[in-house]
Amino acid sequence: MHVRIFLVRHGATVLTAEDRFAGATDVQLSDDGREQVRRLARRLEQEEITAIYASPLGRTVETARILAEPHEIEVQTRDGLREISHGRWEQMTRREVEQAFPAEAAAWEKDPYTFAPVGGESGLAVTARALPVLMDIVREHPASNVLVVSHKATIRLLLSSLLGFDPRRYRDTLDQNPAALNIVDFKDTVSARLTLFNDTSHYASTGLAIPAVPTSRLSKAWCGEKKR
């Protein structure tokens, strides 16, 4: 049932340069962000994409619609793909949070997976709502290429779960630039392979060629042989 998921972070927003917490804040793409996404759209226009899903926030929906134009596909939104909410930290800078809520900031730096600021979400809560949505998408589109547009923390948490990384260190071990392209290939809902990660080569040009589905030098689970 091989399914290829093009997992994309939205383009840069008007708050990106200010480094403010804006997970649940519905900010718009900046002009630079729109150009990043247009370049990614040109890179993906020859791919046979059968469905496009996005978080319902404005920056992800706009990103998805730009990417959908060459394929003439309607964007479907899924609430589970939205960004982590930072509660009362929303729209504050990191320094402002550290000054106003030093105990919360220290706890979050130590373990952002199980800790949540007042009124916000933990990484665990985000995983619990986002991963089932992604698995449903995989099940609903066998033998297809699907584009999913989400957010920095949400994507890193999904990849941590799929690849078996320590989710308590998702902020330290994984990054996601604006309009970054990731490719995850699924043999089934429990067998995921990261084929491309945080790729932004389209910033400078039309981007590197999209890698083919892996077919060699793979484990027996991927080559069709049963494990003994």
Protein backbone atom coordinates (compact mmCIF):
# COMPACT_ATOMS: atom_id res chain seq x y z
CA MET A 1 0.00 0.00 0.00
CA HIS A 2 3.00 2.32 -0.35
CA VAL A 3 2.02 5.88 0.54
CA ARG A 4 4.31 8.88 0.14
CA ILE A 5 3.63 11.85 2.40
CA PHE A 6 5.07 15.21 1.40
CA LEU A 7 5.16 16.80 4.85
CA VAL A 8 5.62 20.58 4.57
CA ARG A 9 6.01 23.36 7.10
CA HIS A 10 4.20 26.59 6.21
CA GLY A 11 6.21 29.51 4.83
CA ALA A 12 7.67 32.34 6.91
CA THR A 13 5.16 34.58 8.66
CA VAL A 14 5.07 38.20 9.71
CA LEU A 15 6.23 37.12 13.20
CA THR A 16 8.99 34.69 12.16
CA ALA A 17 11.78 37.28 12.38
CA GLU A 18 10.59 38.44 15.82
CA ASP A 19 10.94 34.93 17.32
CA ARG A 20 7.63 35.14 19.17
CA PHE A 21 5.54 32.23 20.43
CA ALA A 22 2.69 32.07 17.94
CA GLY A 23 1.51 28.47 17.90
CA ALA A 24 -2.19 29.17 18.34
CA THR A 25 -2.01 32.75 17.05
CA ASP A 26 -3.47 32.98 13.55
CA VAL A 27 -0.71 34.99 11.84
CA GLN A 28 -0.41 35.34 8.08
CA LEU A 29 2.41 34.49 5.70
CA SER A 30 4.89 37.25 4.95
CA ASP A 31 5.78 38.19 1.37
CA ASP A 32 9.01 36.21 1.80
CA GLY A 33 6.99 33.25 3.04
CA ARG A 34 4.73 33.32 0.00
CA GLU A 35 7.75 33.37 -2.31
CA GLN A 36 9.28 30.39 -0.46
CA VAL A 37 6.06 28.45 -0.97
CA ARG A 38 5.72 29.43 -4.64
CA ARG A 39 9.20 28.06 -5.27
CA LEU A 40 8.29 24.83 -3.52
CA ALA A 41 5.10 24.65 -5.61
CA ARG A 42 7.18 24.81 -8.78
CA ARG A 43 9.38 22.05 -7.41
CA LEU A 44 6.41 19.79 -6.74
CA GLU A 45 4.26 20.62 -9.76
CA GLN A 46 5.28 17.46 -11.67
CA GLU A 47 4.50 15.13 -8.77
CA GLU A 48 1.25 13.15 -8.95
CA ILE A 49 -0.33 14.41 -5.76
CA THR A 50 -3.81 13.06 -5.13
CA ALA A 51 -4.82 14.90 -1.95
CA ILE A 52 -3.73 17.90 0.11
CA TYR A 53 -4.38 18.38 3.82
CA ALA A 54 -3.56 21.30 6.09
CA SER A 55 -3.89 22.64 9.59
CA PRO A 56 -6.85 25.07 9.72
CA LEU A 57 -4.70 28.08 10.66
CA GLY A 58 -4.34 30.82 8.06
CA ARG A 59 -0.63 30.38 7.40
CA THR A 60 -0.98 26.66 6.68
CA VAL A 61 -4.13 27.00 4.59
CA GLU A 62 -2.53 29.70 2.43
CA THR A 63 0.60 27.58 2.03
CA ALA A 64 -1.48 24.56 1.03
CA ARG A 65 -3.53 26.54 -1.48
CA ILE A 66 -0.41 27.84 -3.21
CA LEU A 67 0.96 24.30 -3.39
CA ALA A 68 -2.40 22.98 -4.62
CA GLU A 69 -2.72 25.36 -7.59
CA PRO A 70 -0.70 23.31 -10.12
CA HIS A 71 -2.65 20.18 -9.19
CA GLU A 72 -6.14 21.74 -9.08
CA ILE A 73 -6.91 19.97 -5.83
CA GLU A 74 -9.10 21.32 -3.03
CA VAL A 75 -7.34 21.71 0.31
CA GLN A 76 -8.86 19.73 3.17
CA THR A 77 -8.28 20.96 6.73
CA ARG A 78 -7.74 18.79 9.80
CA ASP A 79 -7.73 20.35 13.26
CA GLY A 80 -5.31 17.76 14.61
CA LEU A 81 -2.55 19.17 12.38
CA ARG A 82 -2.56 22.61 14.02
CA GLU A 83 0.45 23.97 15.89
CA ILE A 84 1.14 23.53 19.59
CA SER A 85 -0.59 26.12 21.75
CA HIS A 86 1.67 28.03 24.12
CA GLY A 87 -1.19 29.25 26.28
CA ARG A 88 -0.40 32.48 28.09
CA TRP A 89 2.98 32.69 26.34
CA GLU A 90 1.35 33.38 22.97
CA GLN A 91 2.79 36.42 21.13
CA MET A 92 5.53 36.88 23.74
CA THR A 93 9.23 36.68 22.92
CA ARG A 94 11.40 34.07 24.62
CA ARG A 95 13.05 36.72 26.76
CA GLU A 96 9.67 38.07 27.85
CA VAL A 97 8.55 34.56 28.83
CA GLU A 98 11.75 33.94 30.81
CA GLN A 99 11.25 37.20 32.69
CA ALA A 100 7.52 36.82 33.33
CA PHE A 101 7.33 33.05 33.98
CA PRO A 102 10.85 31.84 34.90
CA ALA A 103 9.70 28.57 36.52
CA GLU A 104 7.55 27.63 33.52
CA ALA A 105 10.32 28.53 31.08
CA ALA A 106 12.84 26.37 32.96
CA ALA A 107 10.46 23.39 33.10
CA TRP A 108 9.71 23.70 29.38
CA GLU A 109 13.39 23.82 28.47
CA LYS A 110 13.98 20.68 30.52
CA ASP A 111 11.10 18.64 29.13
CA PRO A 112 8.86 20.23 26.46
CA TYR A 113 7.20 16.88 25.79
CA THR A 114 5.35 16.44 29.08
CA PHE A 115 5.29 20.04 30.35
CA ALA A 116 2.77 22.63 29.20
CA PRO A 117 2.59 26.33 30.13
CA VAL A 118 -0.62 27.56 31.73
CA GLY A 119 -3.38 27.38 29.14
CA GLY A 120 -1.13 25.62 26.62
CA GLU A 121 -0.33 22.14 25.35
CA SER A 122 2.46 19.67 25.97
CA GLY A 123 4.27 17.93 23.15
CA LEU A 124 2.54 14.74 24.25
CA ALA A 125 -0.89 16.34 23.78
CA VAL A 126 0.07 17.50 20.28
CA THR A 127 1.28 14.01 19.34
CA ALA A 128 -1.92 12.48 20.69
CA ARG A 129 -4.07 14.58 18.33
CA ALA A 130 -1.77 14.86 15.29
CA LEU A 131 -0.53 11.29 14.88
CA PRO A 132 -4.01 9.69 14.52
CA VAL A 133 -4.85 12.26 11.83
CA LEU A 134 -1.72 11.39 9.87
CA MET A 135 -2.40 7.67 10.21
CA ASP A 136 -5.96 8.18 8.95
CA ILE A 137 -4.58 10.03 5.92
CA VAL A 138 -2.19 7.14 5.19
CA ARG A 139 -5.03 4.62 5.43
CA GLU A 140 -7.35 6.67 3.23
CA HIS A 141 -4.87 7.07 0.36
CA PRO A 142 -3.20 3.72 -0.44
CA ALA A 143 -0.66 3.77 -3.26
CA SER A 144 -0.79 7.56 -3.43
CA ASN A 145 1.23 10.74 -2.97
CA VAL A 146 -0.32 13.08 -0.40
CA LEU A 147 0.76 16.55 0.67
CA VAL A 148 0.31 17.55 4.32
CA VAL A 149 1.00 21.11 5.51
CA SER A 150 1.57 21.64 9.22
CA HIS A 151 3.81 23.49 11.67
CA LYS A 152 7.32 23.40 13.13
CA ALA A 153 6.64 21.73 16.48
CA THR A 154 3.88 19.48 15.16
CA ILE A 155 6.06 18.13 12.35
CA ARG A 156 9.01 17.52 14.67
CA LEU A 157 6.77 15.67 17.13
CA LEU A 158 5.28 13.55 14.35
CA LEU A 159 8.72 12.61 13.05
CA SER A 160 9.93 11.81 16.57
CA SER A 161 7.03 9.43 17.02
CA LEU A 162 7.32 7.81 13.59
CA LEU A 163 11.10 7.33 13.78
CA GLY A 164 11.39 6.37 17.44
CA PHE A 165 13.36 9.41 18.62
CA ASP A 166 13.26 10.55 22.24
CA PRO A 167 10.35 13.03 22.06
CA ARG A 168 11.62 14.92 25.10
CA ARG A 169 14.46 16.18 22.91
CA TYR A 170 12.50 17.02 19.77
CA ARG A 171 13.48 20.68 20.03
CA ASP A 172 17.18 19.81 20.28
CA THR A 173 17.46 17.05 17.70
CA LEU A 174 15.15 18.17 14.87
CA ASP A 175 14.66 21.43 13.01
CA GLN A 176 12.12 22.71 10.48
CA ASN A 177 12.75 25.81 8.39
CA PRO A 178 9.87 27.76 6.83
CA ALA A 179 8.50 26.01 3.73
CA ALA A 180 10.75 23.01 4.42
CA LEU A 181 10.00 19.78 2.56
CA ASN A 182 10.08 16.40 4.27
CA ILE A 183 9.21 13.11 2.60
CA VAL A 184 8.01 10.14 4.63
CA ASP A 185 7.35 6.85 2.84
CA PHE A 186 4.93 4.40 4.45
CA LYS A 187 4.79 0.71 3.69
CA ASP A 188 1.93 0.55 6.18
CA THR A 189 0.87 2.53 9.22
CA VAL A 190 3.66 1.09 11.38
CA SER A 191 6.49 1.12 8.81
CA ALA A 192 7.64 4.67 8.06
CA ARG A 193 10.88 5.69 6.37
CA LEU A 194 12.23 9.26 6.29
CA THR A 195 13.45 9.85 2.73
CA LEU A 196 13.98 13.63 2.83
CA PHE A 197 14.27 15.98 5.80
CA ASN A 198 14.03 19.76 6.25
CA ASP A 199 14.96 20.39 2.62
CA THR A 200 14.91 24.02 1.44
CA SER A 201 16.93 23.75 -1.77
CA HIS A 202 14.00 25.40 -3.57
CA TYR A 203 14.86 28.68 -1.82
CA ALA A 204 17.62 29.32 -4.36
CA SER A 205 16.16 27.64 -7.44
CA THR A 206 13.52 25.10 -8.42
CA GLY A 207 15.17 22.73 -5.97
CA LEU A 208 16.88 19.39 -6.11
CA ALA A 209 15.16 16.46 -7.78
CA ILE A 210 12.61 14.69 -5.62
CA PRO A 211 14.15 11.39 -4.48
CA ALA A 212 12.60 8.21 -5.81
CA VAL A 213 10.86 5.74 -3.55
CA PRO A 214 13.63 3.64 -1.94
CA THR A 215 13.88 0.17 -3.52
CA SER A 216 17.36 -1.10 -2.65
CA ARG A 217 19.67 -1.47 0.37
CA LEU A 218 16.61 -1.71 2.60
CA SER A 219 15.67 -3.97 5.48
CA LYS A 220 13.71 -7.16 4.81
CA ALA A 221 10.60 -5.42 6.15
CA TRP A 222 10.80 -2.99 3.23
CA CYS A 223 12.01 -5.44 0.58
CA GLY A 224 8.98 -7.68 0.95
CA GLU A 225 10.71 -10.53 2.78
CA LYS A 226 9.30 -11.75 6.03
CA LYS A 227 11.38 -11.34 9.15
CA ARG A 228 12.60 -14.58 10.64
